C-alpha atoms as a PDB file:
ATOM      1  CA  UNK A   1     -31.177 -15.636  20.486  1.00  0.00           C
ATOM      2  CA  UNK A   2     -33.061 -18.328  22.377  1.00  0.00           C
ATOM      3  CA  UNK A   3     -35.931 -20.080  20.652  1.00  0.00           C
ATOM      4  CA  UNK A   4     -38.896 -20.865  22.843  1.00  0.00           C
ATOM      5  CA  UNK A   5     -41.985 -22.987  22.390  1.00  0.00           C
ATOM      6  CA  UNK A   6     -44.076 -19.822  22.800  1.00  0.00           C
ATOM      7  CA  UNK A   7     -42.626 -18.437  19.579  1.00  0.00           C
ATOM      8  CA  UNK A   8     -43.450 -21.646  17.724  1.00  0.00           C
ATOM      9  CA  UNK A   9     -46.963 -22.242  16.484  1.00  0.00           C
ATOM     10  CA  UNK A  10     -47.654 -25.201  14.220  1.00  0.00           C
ATOM     11  CA  UNK A  11     -51.078 -26.830  14.005  1.00  0.00           C
ATOM     12  CA  UNK A  12     -49.790 -30.313  13.277  1.00  0.00           C
ATOM     13  CA  UNK A  13     -48.202 -30.470  16.750  1.00  0.00           C
ATOM     14  CA  UNK A  14     -51.178 -28.948  18.536  1.00  0.00           C
ATOM     15  CA  UNK A  15     -53.752 -31.433  17.240  1.00  0.00           C
ATOM     16  CA  UNK A  16     -52.017 -34.555  18.530  1.00  0.00           C
ATOM     17  CA  UNK A  17     -51.798 -35.962  22.013  1.00  0.00           C
ATOM     18  CA  UNK A  18     -48.599 -37.144  23.673  1.00  0.00           C
ATOM     19  CA  UNK A  19     -49.621 -40.778  23.858  1.00  0.00           C
ATOM     20  CA  UNK A  20     -50.501 -41.028  20.178  1.00  0.00           C
ATOM     21  CA  UNK A  21     -47.303 -39.213  19.254  1.00  0.00           C
ATOM     22  CA  UNK A  22     -45.076 -41.593  21.219  1.00  0.00           C
ATOM     23  CA  UNK A  23     -46.823 -44.812  20.367  1.00  0.00           C
ATOM     24  CA  UNK A  24     -48.041 -47.472  22.796  1.00  0.00           C
ATOM     25  CA  UNK A  25     -44.716 -49.149  23.575  1.00  0.00           C
ATOM     26  CA  UNK A  26     -42.799 -46.011  24.534  1.00  0.00           C
ATOM     27  CA  UNK A  27     -45.829 -44.572  26.352  1.00  0.00           C
ATOM     28  CA  UNK A  28     -46.168 -47.720  28.481  1.00  0.00           C
ATOM     29  CA  UNK A  29     -42.495 -47.526  29.453  1.00  0.00           C
ATOM     30  CA  UNK A  30     -42.674 -43.813  30.281  1.00  0.00           C
ATOM     31  CA  UNK A  31     -45.739 -44.295  32.478  1.00  0.00           C
ATOM     32  CA  UNK A  32     -44.210 -47.259  34.291  1.00  0.00           C
ATOM     33  CA  UNK A  33     -43.323 -46.869  37.981  1.00  0.00           C
ATOM     34  CA  UNK A  34     -39.849 -48.265  37.266  1.00  0.00           C
ATOM     35  CA  UNK A  35     -39.062 -45.935  34.341  1.00  0.00           C
ATOM     36  CA  UNK A  36     -35.439 -45.715  33.250  1.00  0.00           C
ATOM     37  CA  UNK A  37     -34.502 -43.876  30.047  1.00  0.00           C
ATOM     38  CA  UNK A  38     -31.459 -46.089  29.486  1.00  0.00           C
ATOM     39  CA  UNK A  39     -33.448 -49.311  29.910  1.00  0.00           C
ATOM     40  CA  UNK A  40     -36.057 -48.059  27.465  1.00  0.00           C
ATOM     41  CA  UNK A  41     -33.397 -47.152  24.910  1.00  0.00           C
ATOM     42  CA  UNK A  42     -31.886 -50.625  25.313  1.00  0.00           C
ATOM     43  CA  UNK A  43     -35.267 -52.128  24.354  1.00  0.00           C
ATOM     44  CA  UNK A  44     -35.832 -49.973  21.272  1.00  0.00           C
ATOM     45  CA  UNK A  45     -34.480 -50.677  17.801  1.00  0.00           C
ATOM     46  CA  UNK A  46     -31.855 -47.959  17.393  1.00  0.00           C
ATOM     47  CA  UNK A  47     -29.788 -49.752  14.780  1.00  0.00           C
ATOM     48  CA  UNK A  48     -29.613 -46.706  12.509  1.00  0.00           C
ATOM     49  CA  UNK A  49     -29.420 -42.949  12.901  1.00  0.00           C
ATOM     50  CA  UNK A  50     -32.703 -42.670  11.013  1.00  0.00           C
ATOM     51  CA  UNK A  51     -34.501 -44.789  13.622  1.00  0.00           C
ATOM     52  CA  UNK A  52     -32.899 -42.818  16.455  1.00  0.00           C
ATOM     53  CA  UNK A  53     -34.010 -39.554  14.830  1.00  0.00           C
ATOM     54  CA  UNK A  54     -37.539 -40.890  14.379  1.00  0.00           C
ATOM     55  CA  UNK A  55     -37.706 -41.740  18.104  1.00  0.00           C
ATOM     56  CA  UNK A  56     -36.263 -38.299  18.970  1.00  0.00           C
ATOM     57  CA  UNK A  57     -38.917 -36.614  16.795  1.00  0.00           C
ATOM     58  CA  UNK A  58     -41.714 -38.546  18.498  1.00  0.00           C
ATOM     59  CA  UNK A  59     -40.372 -37.901  21.995  1.00  0.00           C
ATOM     60  CA  UNK A  60     -39.832 -34.205  21.357  1.00  0.00           C
ATOM     61  CA  UNK A  61     -43.305 -33.834  19.849  1.00  0.00           C
ATOM     62  CA  UNK A  62     -44.856 -35.466  22.919  1.00  0.00           C
ATOM     63  CA  UNK A  63     -42.899 -33.116  25.215  1.00  0.00           C
ATOM     64  CA  UNK A  64     -44.182 -30.169  23.216  1.00  0.00           C
ATOM     65  CA  UNK A  65     -47.783 -31.411  23.400  1.00  0.00           C
ATOM     66  CA  UNK A  66     -47.639 -32.110  27.143  1.00  0.00           C
ATOM     67  CA  UNK A  67     -46.031 -28.756  27.944  1.00  0.00           C
ATOM     68  CA  UNK A  68     -48.468 -26.809  25.754  1.00  0.00           C
ATOM     69  CA  UNK A  69     -51.522 -28.514  27.191  1.00  0.00           C
ATOM     70  CA  UNK A  70     -50.608 -27.522  30.731  1.00  0.00           C
ATOM     71  CA  UNK A  71     -52.923 -24.526  30.540  1.00  0.00           C
ATOM     72  CA  UNK A  72     -55.564 -26.053  28.262  1.00  0.00           C
ATOM     73  CA  UNK A  73     -59.139 -26.164  29.476  1.00  0.00           C
ATOM     74  CA  UNK A  74     -61.019 -29.411  29.919  1.00  0.00           C
ATOM     75  CA  UNK A  75     -64.008 -30.260  27.744  1.00  0.00           C
ATOM     76  CA  UNK A  76     -67.344 -28.893  28.945  1.00  0.00           C
ATOM     77  CA  UNK A  77     -68.915 -32.369  28.940  1.00  0.00           C
ATOM     78  CA  UNK A  78     -67.034 -33.237  32.133  1.00  0.00           C
ATOM     79  CA  UNK A  79     -68.370 -30.154  33.923  1.00  0.00           C
ATOM     80  CA  UNK A  80     -71.947 -31.430  34.183  1.00  0.00           C
ATOM     81  CA  UNK A  81     -71.000 -34.772  35.685  1.00  0.00           C
ATOM     82  CA  UNK A  82     -68.809 -33.553  38.570  1.00  0.00           C
ATOM     83  CA  UNK A  83     -68.768 -30.907  41.227  1.00  0.00           C
ATOM     84  CA  UNK A  84     -66.521 -27.921  40.658  1.00  0.00           C
ATOM     85  CA  UNK A  85     -64.076 -29.270  43.295  1.00  0.00           C
ATOM     86  CA  UNK A  86     -63.961 -32.616  41.480  1.00  0.00           C
ATOM     87  CA  UNK A  87     -63.154 -30.868  38.232  1.00  0.00           C
ATOM     88  CA  UNK A  88     -60.389 -28.832  39.887  1.00  0.00           C
ATOM     89  CA  UNK A  89     -58.876 -31.974  41.458  1.00  0.00           C
ATOM     90  CA  UNK A  90     -58.929 -33.742  38.081  1.00  0.00           C
ATOM     91  CA  UNK A  91     -57.276 -30.763  36.406  1.00  0.00           C
ATOM     92  CA  UNK A  92     -54.528 -30.688  39.037  1.00  0.00           C
ATOM     93  CA  UNK A  93     -53.926 -34.436  38.706  1.00  0.00           C
ATOM     94  CA  UNK A  94     -53.918 -34.171  34.908  1.00  0.00           C
ATOM     95  CA  UNK A  95     -51.438 -31.294  35.048  1.00  0.00           C
ATOM     96  CA  UNK A  96     -49.164 -33.174  37.448  1.00  0.00           C
ATOM     97  CA  UNK A  97     -49.278 -36.271  35.260  1.00  0.00           C
ATOM     98  CA  UNK A  98     -48.475 -34.256  32.107  1.00  0.00           C
ATOM     99  CA  UNK A  99     -45.573 -32.559  33.895  1.00  0.00           C
ATOM    100  CA  UNK A 100     -44.218 -35.924  35.057  1.00  0.00           C
ATOM    101  CA  UNK A 101     -44.536 -37.437  31.588  1.00  0.00           C
ATOM    102  CA  UNK A 102     -42.888 -34.394  29.986  1.00  0.00           C
ATOM    103  CA  UNK A 103     -39.981 -34.609  32.467  1.00  0.00           C
ATOM    104  CA  UNK A 104     -39.529 -38.310  31.777  1.00  0.00           C
ATOM    105  CA  UNK A 105     -39.678 -37.723  28.028  1.00  0.00           C
ATOM    106  CA  UNK A 106     -37.071 -34.958  28.362  1.00  0.00           C
ATOM    107  CA  UNK A 107     -34.818 -37.383  30.240  1.00  0.00           C
ATOM    108  CA  UNK A 108     -35.331 -39.938  27.473  1.00  0.00           C
ATOM    109  CA  UNK A 109     -34.466 -37.359  24.815  1.00  0.00           C
ATOM    110  CA  UNK A 110     -31.297 -36.347  26.673  1.00  0.00           C
ATOM    111  CA  UNK A 111     -30.223 -40.001  26.984  1.00  0.00           C
ATOM    112  CA  UNK A 112     -30.922 -40.555  23.297  1.00  0.00           C
ATOM    113  CA  UNK A 113     -28.852 -37.519  22.308  1.00  0.00           C
ATOM    114  CA  UNK A 114     -26.011 -38.714  24.541  1.00  0.00           C
ATOM    115  CA  UNK A 115     -26.012 -42.092  22.805  1.00  0.00           C
ATOM    116  CA  UNK A 116     -26.114 -40.420  19.392  1.00  0.00           C
ATOM    117  CA  UNK A 117     -24.088 -37.207  19.766  1.00  0.00           C
ATOM    118  CA  UNK A 118     -24.054 -36.605  16.010  1.00  0.00           C
ATOM    119  CA  UNK A 119     -27.825 -36.884  15.678  1.00  0.00           C
ATOM    120  CA  UNK A 120     -29.249 -34.322  13.279  1.00  0.00           C
ATOM    121  CA  UNK A 121     -31.806 -31.741  14.402  1.00  0.00           C
ATOM    122  CA  UNK A 122     -35.312 -32.906  15.130  1.00  0.00           C
ATOM    123  CA  UNK A 123     -38.278 -31.756  13.065  1.00  0.00           C
ATOM    124  CA  UNK A 124     -39.459 -29.506  15.873  1.00  0.00           C
ATOM    125  CA  UNK A 125     -36.047 -27.831  16.150  1.00  0.00           C
ATOM    126  CA  UNK A 126     -35.955 -27.255  12.397  1.00  0.00           C
ATOM    127  CA  UNK A 127     -39.480 -25.815  12.459  1.00  0.00           C
ATOM    128  CA  UNK A 128     -38.542 -23.430  15.269  1.00  0.00           C
ATOM    129  CA  UNK A 129     -35.498 -22.248  13.348  1.00  0.00           C
ATOM    130  CA  UNK A 130     -37.468 -21.853  10.123  1.00  0.00           C
ATOM    131  CA  UNK A 131     -40.241 -19.953  11.910  1.00  0.00           C
ATOM    132  CA  UNK A 132     -37.701 -17.669  13.582  1.00  0.00           C
ATOM    133  CA  UNK A 133     -35.981 -16.888  10.260  1.00  0.00           C
ATOM    134  CA  UNK A 134     -39.279 -16.021   8.589  1.00  0.00           C
ATOM    135  CA  UNK A 135     -40.207 -13.871  11.551  1.00  0.00           C
ATOM    136  CA  UNK A 136     -36.846 -12.103  11.547  1.00  0.00           C
ATOM    137  CA  UNK A 137     -37.186 -11.187   7.858  1.00  0.00           C
ATOM    138  CA  UNK A 138     -40.608  -9.665   8.472  1.00  0.00           C
ATOM    139  CA  UNK A 139     -39.298  -7.154  11.039  1.00  0.00           C
END
C-alpha cells in the first residue's frame, strides 16, 4: 500500500508555512540562485543523528506545506488592489515558486538521507503510518 499526502490530514502541518518550518538559514540557501543540496548540508551542523533527523523533519514538513498549498486560494484582501489578470499572474508565479522550492527541498532531503542511510523515520512518515493504521482498523 502506498501512503499519499492526500490520505494524511494533520492540522499542525497545515497551519505553518514552508519558510517558518525550515528556518531562515536553510530557506535562504534553498532560494539562492546557486543552490546545491550538498553544499548546504556541508554548512549545517549534522554532527549527530538527532540533528540530521531534526533537519529532515523540517525539510519534509516544508515540502508538505508547499505541495499542499499549490491549490490554496489567495486572501481576499489582495483582490481589491489588483486587476483579475494581476491576481492570476501572481498566483501562477507563487505556484511556480512553491513548486521550485518543494523540488529543491526534496533534493535536499534525498541528499540528507544518502548521507545518513540509517536515519530513522521522520515525524511526517510516522504520522502517515499511524493515520493509515487507524484508518485500516476502522474499515
